[in-house]
Protein backbone atom coordinates (compact mmCIF):
# COMPACT_ATOMS: atom_id res chain seq x y z
CA UNK A 1 8.70 -9.82 11.88
CA UNK A 2 5.11 -10.13 10.71
CA UNK A 3 2.37 -8.03 12.39
CA UNK A 4 0.08 -11.01 12.11
CA UNK A 5 2.15 -13.16 14.62
CA UNK A 6 2.22 -13.61 18.43
CA UNK A 7 5.96 -12.90 18.22
CA UNK A 8 5.23 -9.38 17.04
CA UNK A 9 2.56 -8.94 19.84
CA UNK A 10 5.07 -9.82 22.46
CA UNK A 11 7.71 -7.38 20.72
CA UNK A 12 5.17 -4.57 20.53
CA UNK A 13 4.30 -4.79 24.38
CA UNK A 14 7.87 -4.97 25.28
CA UNK A 15 9.01 -2.09 23.21
CA UNK A 16 6.06 0.02 24.29
CA UNK A 17 6.51 -0.59 27.94
CA UNK A 18 10.22 0.29 27.74
CA UNK A 19 9.40 3.46 25.59
CA UNK A 20 7.23 4.80 28.39
CA UNK A 21 9.72 3.86 30.96
CA UNK A 22 12.94 5.49 29.93
CA UNK A 23 13.60 9.12 29.48
CA UNK A 24 12.04 10.72 26.43
CA UNK A 25 15.75 11.96 25.39
CA UNK A 26 16.70 8.22 24.96
CA UNK A 27 13.61 7.01 23.32
CA UNK A 28 14.83 7.70 19.68
CA UNK A 29 17.76 5.04 20.45
CA UNK A 30 15.22 2.48 21.66
CA UNK A 31 12.89 2.76 18.78
CA UNK A 32 15.93 2.77 16.43
CA UNK A 33 17.49 -0.42 17.81
CA UNK A 34 13.98 -1.91 18.01
CA UNK A 35 13.45 -1.08 14.28
CA UNK A 36 16.89 -2.75 13.36
CA UNK A 37 15.87 -5.81 15.32
CA UNK A 38 12.53 -5.79 13.67
CA UNK A 39 13.86 -5.65 10.06
CA UNK A 40 16.62 -8.08 10.83
CA UNK A 41 13.92 -10.67 11.90
CA UNK A 42 13.44 -11.10 8.12
CA UNK A 43 16.84 -11.36 6.56
CA UNK A 44 19.47 -9.80 8.84
CA UNK A 45 22.12 -9.19 5.99
CA UNK A 46 19.80 -6.82 4.34
CA UNK A 47 20.27 -4.26 7.30
CA UNK A 48 23.54 -3.44 5.48
CA UNK A 49 21.60 -2.40 2.20
CA UNK A 50 19.34 -0.15 4.23
CA UNK A 51 22.35 1.30 6.16
CA UNK A 52 24.06 2.19 2.82
CA UNK A 53 21.20 4.21 1.70
CA UNK A 54 20.71 5.90 5.01
CA UNK A 55 24.27 7.16 5.03
CA UNK A 56 24.19 8.30 1.52
CA UNK A 57 20.87 10.23 1.88
CA UNK A 58 22.24 11.53 5.32
CA UNK A 59 25.26 13.14 3.87
CA UNK A 60 23.61 14.13 0.69
CA UNK A 61 20.87 16.12 2.70
CA UNK A 62 23.57 17.99 4.51
CA UNK A 63 25.48 18.84 1.32
CA UNK A 64 22.34 19.72 -0.46
CA UNK A 65 21.43 22.29 2.10
CA UNK A 66 24.99 23.75 2.24
CA UNK A 67 25.61 23.72 -1.43
CA UNK A 68 24.63 26.56 -3.94
CA UNK A 69 23.72 26.71 -7.71
CA UNK A 70 24.06 23.64 -9.66
CA UNK A 71 26.04 21.76 -6.87
CA UNK A 72 22.85 21.28 -4.89
CA UNK A 73 21.23 19.50 -7.99
CA UNK A 74 24.31 17.32 -8.37
CA UNK A 75 24.10 16.10 -4.72
CA UNK A 76 20.40 15.36 -5.12
CA UNK A 77 21.15 13.14 -8.36
CA UNK A 78 23.79 11.17 -6.33
CA UNK A 79 21.25 10.47 -3.74
CA UNK A 80 18.59 9.49 -6.32
CA UNK A 81 20.98 7.38 -8.27
CA UNK A 82 22.06 5.48 -5.12
CA UNK A 83 18.46 4.94 -4.09
CA UNK A 84 17.13 3.93 -7.60
CA UNK A 85 20.20 1.95 -8.34
CA UNK A 86 19.61 -0.35 -5.17
CA UNK A 87 16.02 -0.87 -6.56
CA UNK A 88 17.32 -1.62 -10.05
CA UNK A 89 19.82 -4.14 -8.69
CA UNK A 90 17.52 -6.03 -6.46
CA UNK A 91 14.29 -5.63 -8.00
CA UNK A 92 14.76 -4.96 -11.71
CA UNK A 93 17.91 -6.37 -12.68
CA UNK A 94 16.87 -10.00 -13.67
CA UNK A 95 13.49 -8.55 -15.13
CA UNK A 96 15.51 -6.45 -17.51
CA UNK A 97 18.04 -9.07 -18.10
CA UNK A 98 15.18 -11.49 -18.94
CA UNK A 99 13.50 -9.12 -21.54
CA UNK A 100 17.11 -8.40 -23.07
CA UNK A 101 17.41 -12.26 -23.48
CA UNK A 102 13.95 -12.56 -25.16
CA UNK A 103 14.91 -9.66 -27.60
CA UNK A 104 18.29 -11.34 -28.36
CA UNK A 105 16.53 -14.67 -28.85
CA UNK A 106 14.43 -13.17 -31.63
CA UNK A 107 17.75 -12.53 -33.56
CA UNK A 108 19.21 -16.00 -32.81
CA UNK A 109 21.46 -14.68 -30.05
CA UNK A 110 22.06 -15.81 -26.81
CA UNK A 111 22.34 -13.42 -23.61
CA UNK A 112 26.07 -13.46 -21.96
CA UNK A 113 24.86 -11.45 -18.97
CA UNK A 114 24.27 -13.59 -15.90
CA UNK A 115 21.41 -13.61 -13.69
CA UNK A 116 21.49 -12.69 -10.00
CA UNK A 117 20.39 -15.19 -7.48
CA UNK A 118 19.22 -12.69 -4.81
CA UNK A 119 16.12 -12.10 -2.78
CA UNK A 120 14.32 -8.90 -2.92
CA UNK A 121 14.81 -7.13 0.45
CA UNK A 122 11.34 -6.83 2.29
CA UNK A 123 9.73 -3.46 1.89
CA UNK A 124 12.48 -2.13 -0.37
CA UNK A 125 10.19 0.11 -2.45
CA UNK A 126 8.62 1.66 0.45
CA UNK A 127 11.65 2.91 2.38
CA UNK A 128 13.50 3.88 -0.67
CA UNK A 129 10.66 6.08 -1.71
CA UNK A 130 10.57 7.55 2.02
CA UNK A 131 14.39 8.33 1.74
CA UNK A 132 14.04 9.92 -1.59
CA UNK A 133 11.34 12.36 -0.28
CA UNK A 134 13.65 13.45 2.30
CA UNK A 135 16.40 14.50 -0.08
CA UNK A 136 13.82 16.02 -2.53
CA UNK A 137 12.11 18.15 0.18
CA UNK A 138 15.71 19.35 1.38
CA UNK A 139 16.46 20.10 -2.09
CA UNK A 140 13.25 22.11 -2.56
CA UNK A 141 13.79 24.07 0.83
CA UNK A 142 10.80 22.52 2.48
CA UNK A 143 12.78 20.66 5.01
CA UNK A 144 16.05 21.31 7.09
CA UNK A 145 18.74 18.74 6.77
CA UNK A 146 18.68 16.47 9.83
CA UNK A 147 22.09 16.66 11.56
CA UNK A 148 21.32 13.87 14.06
CA UNK A 149 22.40 10.74 12.12
CA UNK A 150 20.16 8.37 14.57
CA UNK A 151 17.19 10.35 14.25
CA UNK A 152 17.62 10.46 10.49
CA UNK A 153 18.06 6.75 10.52
CA UNK A 154 14.84 6.35 12.49
CA UNK A 155 13.04 8.45 10.05
CA UNK A 156 13.67 5.72 7.48
CA UNK A 157 13.43 2.61 9.82
CA UNK A 158 10.78 3.53 12.20
CA UNK A 159 9.38 -0.10 12.49
CA UNK A 160 5.69 0.53 12.45
CA UNK A 161 5.73 1.66 8.81
CA UNK A 162 9.08 0.41 7.70
CA UNK A 163 8.08 -2.44 5.60
CA UNK A 164 4.83 -1.41 3.90
CA UNK A 165 4.09 2.24 4.72
CA UNK A 166 2.47 4.81 4.92
CA UNK A 167 5.21 6.44 3.03
CA UNK A 168 5.78 9.51 5.28
CA UNK A 169 7.22 12.91 4.52
CA UNK A 170 10.03 14.26 6.51
CA UNK A 171 8.02 17.47 7.35
CA UNK A 172 5.36 15.19 9.36
CA UNK A 173 7.58 12.49 10.79
CA UNK A 174 11.05 13.99 11.78
CA UNK A 175 9.88 16.55 14.00
CA UNK A 176 7.80 13.91 16.04
CA UNK A 177 11.02 12.08 17.15
CA UNK A 178 12.07 15.20 18.99
CA UNK A 179 8.78 15.65 20.83
CA UNK A 180 8.07 14.28 24.28
CA UNK A 181 5.10 11.93 24.16
CA UNK A 182 3.77 11.45 27.74
CA UNK A 183 1.50 8.32 28.44
CA UNK A 184 -2.05 9.33 27.48
CA UNK A 185 -4.37 6.30 28.26
CA UNK A 186 -7.06 7.84 25.76
CA UNK A 187 -4.55 7.83 22.80
CA UNK A 188 -3.08 4.43 23.86
CA UNK A 189 -6.73 2.89 23.77
CA UNK A 190 -7.52 4.77 20.37
CA UNK A 191 -4.26 3.19 18.91
CA UNK A 192 -5.13 -0.30 20.23
CA UNK A 193 -8.54 -0.21 18.72
CA UNK A 194 -7.04 1.02 15.24
CA UNK A 195 -4.93 -2.14 15.67
CA UNK A 196 -7.69 -4.45 16.49
CA UNK A 197 -9.61 -3.27 13.42
CA UNK A 198 -6.42 -3.77 11.33
CA UNK A 199 -5.81 -7.37 12.58
CA UNK A 200 -9.56 -8.17 12.08
CA UNK A 201 -9.35 -7.03 8.43
CA UNK A 202 -6.06 -9.03 7.82
CA UNK A 203 -6.81 -12.43 9.84
CA UNK A 204 -10.58 -12.82 9.61
CA UNK A 205 -11.31 -11.22 6.11
CA UNK A 206 -7.97 -11.04 3.86
CA UNK A 207 -6.43 -14.28 4.83
CA UNK A 208 -9.81 -15.99 4.69
CA UNK A 209 -10.42 -14.78 1.24
CA UNK A 210 -6.94 -15.49 0.36
CA UNK A 211 -7.55 -19.41 0.58
CA UNK A 212 -10.26 -19.27 -2.18
CA UNK A 213 -8.39 -16.61 -4.21
CA UNK A 214 -4.94 -18.66 -4.02
CA UNK A 215 -6.77 -21.81 -4.92
CA UNK A 216 -8.29 -20.28 -8.13
CA UNK A 217 -5.59 -18.12 -9.30
CA UNK A 218 -2.72 -20.62 -8.63
CA UNK A 219 -4.48 -23.28 -10.86
CA UNK A 220 -6.18 -21.38 -13.64
CA UNK A 221 -6.23 -24.31 -16.00
CA UNK A 222 -8.43 -26.32 -13.50
CA UNK A 223 -10.92 -23.54 -12.81
CA UNK A 224 -14.17 -22.46 -14.46
CA UNK A 225 -15.35 -19.09 -15.22
CA UNK A 226 -17.61 -18.57 -12.38
CA UNK A 227 -14.85 -19.61 -9.83
CA UNK A 228 -12.44 -17.39 -11.35
CA UNK A 229 -15.07 -14.34 -11.27
CA UNK A 230 -15.83 -14.92 -7.79
CA UNK A 231 -11.95 -15.18 -7.10
CA UNK A 232 -11.39 -11.87 -8.77
CA UNK A 233 -14.20 -10.16 -6.76
CA UNK A 234 -12.79 -11.69 -3.54
CA UNK A 235 -9.24 -10.53 -4.36
CA UNK A 236 -10.46 -6.95 -4.53
CA UNK A 237 -11.66 -7.30 -0.94
CA UNK A 238 -8.71 -9.46 -0.05
CA UNK A 239 -5.94 -6.92 -1.26
CA UNK A 240 -7.91 -3.96 0.44
CA UNK A 241 -8.18 -5.81 3.79
CA UNK A 242 -4.76 -6.95 3.69
CA UNK A 243 -3.07 -3.67 2.82
CA UNK A 244 -5.35 -1.20 4.85
CA UNK A 245 -5.17 -3.74 7.56
CA UNK A 246 -1.31 -3.32 7.50
CA UNK A 247 -1.78 0.47 7.52
CA UNK A 248 -4.18 0.39 10.49
CA UNK A 249 -1.95 -1.85 12.55
CA UNK A 250 1.07 0.56 11.65
CA UNK A 251 -0.89 3.85 12.28
CA UNK A 252 -2.30 2.13 15.77
CA UNK A 253 1.10 0.98 16.95
CA UNK A 254 2.54 4.63 16.37
CA UNK A 255 -0.47 6.19 17.83
CA UNK A 256 -0.05 4.07 21.06
CA UNK A 257 3.48 5.66 21.29
CA UNK A 258 2.28 9.12 20.60
CA UNK A 259 3.07 9.37 16.82
CA UNK A 260 0.69 10.46 13.98
CA UNK A 261 1.03 8.79 10.73
CA UNK A 262 -0.87 9.92 7.56
CA UNK A 263 -4.15 8.23 6.59
CA UNK A 264 -3.44 5.71 3.86
CA UNK A 265 -6.96 4.56 2.86
CA UNK A 266 -10.36 6.54 2.93
CA UNK A 267 -12.93 3.52 2.19
CA UNK A 268 -11.88 2.93 -1.60
CA UNK A 269 -14.71 0.40 -1.99
CA UNK A 270 -17.05 3.34 -2.08
CA UNK A 271 -15.39 5.39 -4.68
CA UNK A 272 -17.66 6.78 -7.58
CA UNK A 273 -15.13 6.87 -10.20
CA UNK A 274 -11.63 5.58 -10.90
CA UNK A 275 -10.35 9.06 -10.21
CA UNK A 276 -12.09 9.22 -6.96
CA UNK A 277 -10.61 5.87 -6.25
CA UNK A 278 -7.01 6.95 -6.46
CA UNK A 279 -7.68 9.70 -3.99
CA UNK A 280 -8.83 6.80 -1.50
CA UNK A 281 -6.37 4.02 -2.01
CA UNK A 282 -2.83 3.88 -0.99
CA UNK A 283 -2.85 7.75 -0.62
CA UNK A 284 0.89 7.86 0.72
CA UNK A 285 2.04 6.54 -2.66
CA UNK A 286 -0.41 8.19 -4.87
CA UNK A 287 0.58 11.55 -3.47
CA UNK A 288 4.22 10.70 -3.63
CA UNK A 289 3.87 10.20 -7.48
CA UNK A 290 1.77 13.35 -7.75
CA UNK A 291 4.20 15.52 -5.98
CA UNK A 292 7.49 14.10 -7.34
CA UNK A 293 6.90 12.87 -10.67
CA UNK A 294 3.38 14.00 -12.09
CA UNK A 295 3.72 17.86 -11.12
CA UNK A 296 7.32 18.05 -12.07
CA UNK A 297 6.27 16.60 -15.49
CA UNK A 298 3.72 19.49 -15.84
CA UNK A 299 0.69 17.73 -14.42
CA UNK A 300 -2.27 19.01 -16.25
CA UNK A 301 -0.90 22.41 -17.04
CA UNK A 302 0.33 21.40 -20.43
CA UNK A 303 -1.15 20.60 -23.79
CA UNK A 304 -3.92 18.06 -23.75
CA UNK A 305 -1.88 15.36 -25.45
CA UNK A 306 1.00 15.89 -23.01
CA UNK A 307 -1.36 15.69 -20.26
CA UNK A 308 -2.69 12.31 -21.21
CA UNK A 309 0.91 11.32 -21.60
CA UNK A 310 1.72 12.40 -18.11
CA UNK A 311 -0.90 10.39 -16.72
CA UNK A 312 -0.11 7.30 -18.49
CA UNK A 313 3.63 7.57 -17.56
CA UNK A 314 2.83 7.92 -13.91
CA UNK A 315 0.48 4.87 -13.90
CA UNK A 316 3.15 2.77 -15.87
CA UNK A 317 5.76 3.70 -13.55
CA UNK A 318 3.48 2.91 -10.59
CA UNK A 319 2.88 -0.49 -12.09
CA UNK A 320 6.56 -1.07 -12.42
CA UNK A 321 7.02 0.17 -8.78
CA UNK A 322 4.66 -2.57 -7.73
CA UNK A 323 6.70 -5.46 -9.42
CA UNK A 324 9.25 -6.40 -11.97
CA UNK A 325 6.57 -8.36 -14.11
CA UNK A 326 4.61 -7.20 -17.21
CA UNK A 327 1.48 -8.01 -15.40
CA UNK A 328 1.99 -4.97 -13.13
CA UNK A 329 3.10 -2.66 -16.07
CA UNK A 330 -0.25 -3.71 -17.78
CA UNK A 331 -2.22 -3.04 -14.64
CA UNK A 332 -0.74 0.39 -14.41
CA UNK A 333 -1.46 0.88 -18.08
CA UNK A 334 -5.18 -0.01 -17.65
CA UNK A 335 -5.70 2.19 -14.84
CA UNK A 336 -4.07 5.05 -16.62
CA UNK A 337 -6.39 4.33 -19.53
CA UNK A 338 -9.37 4.67 -17.23
CA UNK A 339 -8.27 8.18 -16.26
CA UNK A 340 -7.60 9.38 -19.70
CA UNK A 341 -10.85 7.81 -21.01
CA UNK A 342 -12.83 9.65 -18.31
CA UNK A 343 -11.17 12.92 -19.34
CA UNK A 344 -11.87 12.43 -23.07
CA UNK A 345 -15.39 11.42 -22.30
CA UNK A 346 -16.30 13.96 -19.69
CA UNK A 347 -18.36 16.53 -21.77
CA UNK A 348 -20.31 13.66 -23.21
CA UNK A 349 -21.03 12.05 -19.75
CA UNK A 350 -22.01 15.51 -18.41
CA UNK A 351 -24.61 15.90 -21.24
CA UNK A 352 -25.85 12.27 -20.49
CA UNK A 353 -25.98 12.89 -16.75
CA UNK A 354 -27.94 16.23 -17.48
CA UNK A 355 -30.42 14.27 -19.75
CA UNK A 356 -31.15 11.69 -16.94
CA UNK A 357 -30.99 14.21 -14.24
CA UNK A 358 -28.59 12.67 -12.04
CA UNK A 359 -28.21 15.66 -9.81
CA UNK A 360 -31.84 15.39 -8.75
CA UNK A 361 -31.41 11.86 -7.79
CA UNK A 362 -27.89 11.53 -6.38
CA UNK A 363 -28.57 8.63 -4.18
CA UNK A 364 -30.35 6.58 -6.81
CA UNK A 365 -27.18 6.68 -9.04
CA UNK A 366 -24.83 6.28 -6.34
CA UNK A 367 -25.02 2.47 -6.23
CA UNK A 368 -24.42 1.90 -10.08
CA UNK A 369 -21.60 4.53 -10.00
CA UNK A 370 -19.90 2.53 -7.08
CA UNK A 371 -20.50 -0.72 -8.60
CA UNK A 372 -19.01 0.11 -12.02
CA UNK A 373 -16.07 1.65 -10.45
CA UNK A 374 -15.50 -1.60 -8.44
CA UNK A 375 -15.82 -3.90 -11.35
CA UNK A 376 -13.25 -1.64 -13.52
CA UNK A 377 -10.88 -1.76 -10.50
CA UNK A 378 -11.38 -5.64 -10.14
CA UNK A 379 -10.72 -6.21 -13.83
CA UNK A 380 -7.51 -4.35 -13.74
CA UNK A 381 -6.55 -6.39 -10.67
CA UNK A 382 -6.69 -9.75 -12.87
CA UNK A 383 -3.41 -8.62 -14.24
CA UNK A 384 -2.13 -7.64 -10.72
CA UNK A 385 -2.87 -10.79 -9.18
CA UNK A 386 -2.22 -13.19 -12.13
CA UNK A 387 1.32 -14.99 -12.19
CA UNK A 388 1.69 -14.20 -15.89
CA UNK A 389 0.11 -12.29 -18.71
CA UNK A 390 -0.96 -15.64 -20.35
CA UNK A 391 -2.65 -16.63 -17.03
CA UNK A 392 -4.59 -13.30 -16.92
CA UNK A 393 -5.79 -13.59 -20.39
CA UNK A 394 -6.99 -17.15 -19.94
CA UNK A 395 -8.79 -15.92 -16.62
CA UNK A 396 -10.47 -13.10 -18.66
CA UNK A 397 -11.55 -15.58 -21.48
CA UNK A 398 -12.96 -18.06 -18.88
CA UNK A 399 -14.98 -15.31 -16.89
CA UNK A 400 -16.50 -14.27 -20.06
CA UNK A 401 -17.83 -17.77 -20.74
CA UNK A 402 -19.89 -17.49 -17.30
CA UNK A 403 -19.65 -21.39 -17.17
CA UNK A 404 -19.43 -23.47 -14.16
CA UNK A 405 -20.23 -23.20 -10.32
CA UNK A 406 -18.61 -21.09 -7.72
CA UNK A 407 -19.10 -24.15 -5.12
CA UNK A 408 -16.16 -26.19 -6.13
CA UNK A 409 -15.55 -27.80 -2.61
CA UNK A 410 -15.39 -24.45 -1.21
CA UNK A 411 -18.68 -23.77 0.16
CA UNK A 412 -17.58 -23.23 3.69
CA UNK A 413 -14.77 -20.81 2.65
CA UNK A 414 -17.14 -18.96 0.52
CA UNK A 415 -19.78 -18.54 3.36
CA UNK A 416 -17.18 -17.38 5.77
CA UNK A 417 -15.72 -15.02 3.15
CA UNK A 418 -19.23 -13.51 2.45
CA UNK A 419 -19.64 -12.96 6.11
CA UNK A 420 -16.37 -11.07 6.51
CA UNK A 421 -17.30 -9.00 3.51
CA UNK A 422 -20.73 -8.20 4.82
CA UNK A 423 -19.29 -7.31 8.00
CA UNK A 424 -16.67 -4.95 6.35
CA UNK A 425 -19.11 -3.15 4.03
CA UNK A 426 -21.49 -2.59 6.88
CA UNK A 427 -18.94 -1.08 9.04
CA UNK A 428 -17.45 1.24 6.27
CA UNK A 429 -20.86 2.04 4.76
CA UNK A 430 -21.65 3.56 8.31
CA UNK A 431 -18.53 5.45 8.40
CA UNK A 432 -18.82 6.55 4.92
CA UNK A 433 -22.33 7.93 4.74
CA UNK A 434 -23.43 8.36 8.47
CA UNK A 435 -20.26 9.94 9.97
CA UNK A 436 -22.17 11.85 12.52
CA UNK A 437 -24.13 9.27 14.25
CA UNK A 438 -23.04 6.82 16.93
CA UNK A 439 -21.96 3.24 16.22
CA UNK A 440 -20.91 0.62 18.56
CA UNK A 441 -17.29 1.64 17.79
CA UNK A 442 -17.71 5.20 18.79
CA UNK A 443 -20.52 4.86 21.10
CA UNK A 444 -20.51 7.46 24.16
CA UNK A 445 -21.01 4.59 26.54
CA UNK A 446 -17.66 2.95 27.74
CA UNK A 447 -18.91 -0.28 28.11
CA UNK A 448 -20.90 -0.51 24.86
CA UNK A 449 -17.85 0.90 22.97
CA UNK A 450 -15.40 -1.53 24.32
CA UNK A 451 -17.66 -4.32 24.17
CA UNK A 452 -17.57 -3.92 20.41
CA UNK A 453 -13.70 -4.03 20.30
CA UNK A 454 -13.85 -7.13 22.69
CA UNK A 455 -16.29 -8.81 20.31
CA UNK A 456 -13.85 -8.04 17.38
CA UNK A 457 -11.01 -9.85 19.51
CA UNK A 458 -13.09 -13.07 20.07
CA UNK A 459 -13.92 -12.93 16.19
CA UNK A 460 -10.10 -12.70 15.49
CA UNK A 461 -9.51 -15.80 17.86
CA UNK A 462 -12.40 -17.86 16.57
CA UNK A 463 -12.07 -17.19 12.84
CA UNK A 464 -8.79 -15.60 12.16
CA UNK A 465 -6.27 -17.47 9.81
CA UNK A 466 -3.04 -17.31 11.95
CA UNK A 467 -1.07 -19.28 9.11
CA UNK A 468 -1.84 -16.91 6.35
CA UNK A 469 1.67 -15.74 5.81
CA UNK A 470 3.02 -12.20 5.10
CA UNK A 471 1.08 -9.26 3.86
CA UNK A 472 0.70 -8.81 0.13
CA UNK A 473 2.43 -5.60 -0.22
CA UNK A 474 5.63 -6.99 1.58
CA UNK A 475 6.77 -8.11 -1.84
CA UNK A 476 6.84 -4.74 -3.00
């Protein structure tokens, strides 16, 4: 079931009304059944895959807590193998097999291993990582094993964030399922406003940008350099509005029912460096890799070469997490290189900054810092969006020619897209740099404040793209 559908709107209203109607001791059951229905609306059969990992991790959590010594690690390993194994079968099997075939072909041999004709379950990487965080936290002693099978199942399947996050930790979410959330009109309206902003970003901005981006990236041979350059810039805004829009809808939906999900984005379009960008973008995944991969590898508390190695490994695996394609791995490698390069050149950049007195004119240098960061991230996203490595290289080559016009029968789309981007930047600029002052969205006057959100709803109905399809991150 897609958030950007009237079907979901009906589902949300019915579930929310029932949620506040029944006894709070039975609400977990309502949410669990609703979440099952929500997930089965995509491919019903895949509920059994989700059920398998839930059973394994539920049992593993109890045995990890009860066991002593090496047996605790044994049960953790069993849980991790089950989760990663499911990922490998559905997401990476054919990718590995394809590369194995390529390798054998170089020696004149054929690959006897068959390919699997299976679809990737929606949001598999998200709920798998959330399940893994549970068993790891139980192993570390930071979380008690959940004895209530239904509530643990709900932790993995909670419908607002089941498909594309935020990837929650058990310490934050599990306890909330046992709390009584009484109807609070102020909190409900706050959640609805977050949802409206998420719908605006998805339907008015992201899906409108997607028309131009898809037209350019899906027909690379027919495009010129300027068209592809604009499409690349548009894609950076598209993927941000698409993914953060989903997160806003998820967070707002949960907030309406009294649940607090973690913040997943902090205005990454205003990041001043690539390192700062990753503290603002997909925070639930970035912190997941930091806590469960980067720190266990030693983080930065190792030799300098090993530190660089740790960073590169984390970003390469992050790329692979996003998709079974060399384009994603290269995307991860580029972003890992950005961080390593920044560390290597830090002292030289500090000397240069001191020479030009950047500390005396911080506002003057803010724009070029943000612009350079945006361009670097956008460049890496050429590989993220391109269908193949060959397409990505063609796109880069064409962009470097700076030939052609951006108005190839797409003037109206470009103008609408630019309006959406300008609106987004204006709103987020205010939130980033003028947090203390009033805006239309947080104006103390009730009518002014709600007129703003009514205006957003009107814009969604007038300019929203309601056939834009699923969210980009559903494929991960």
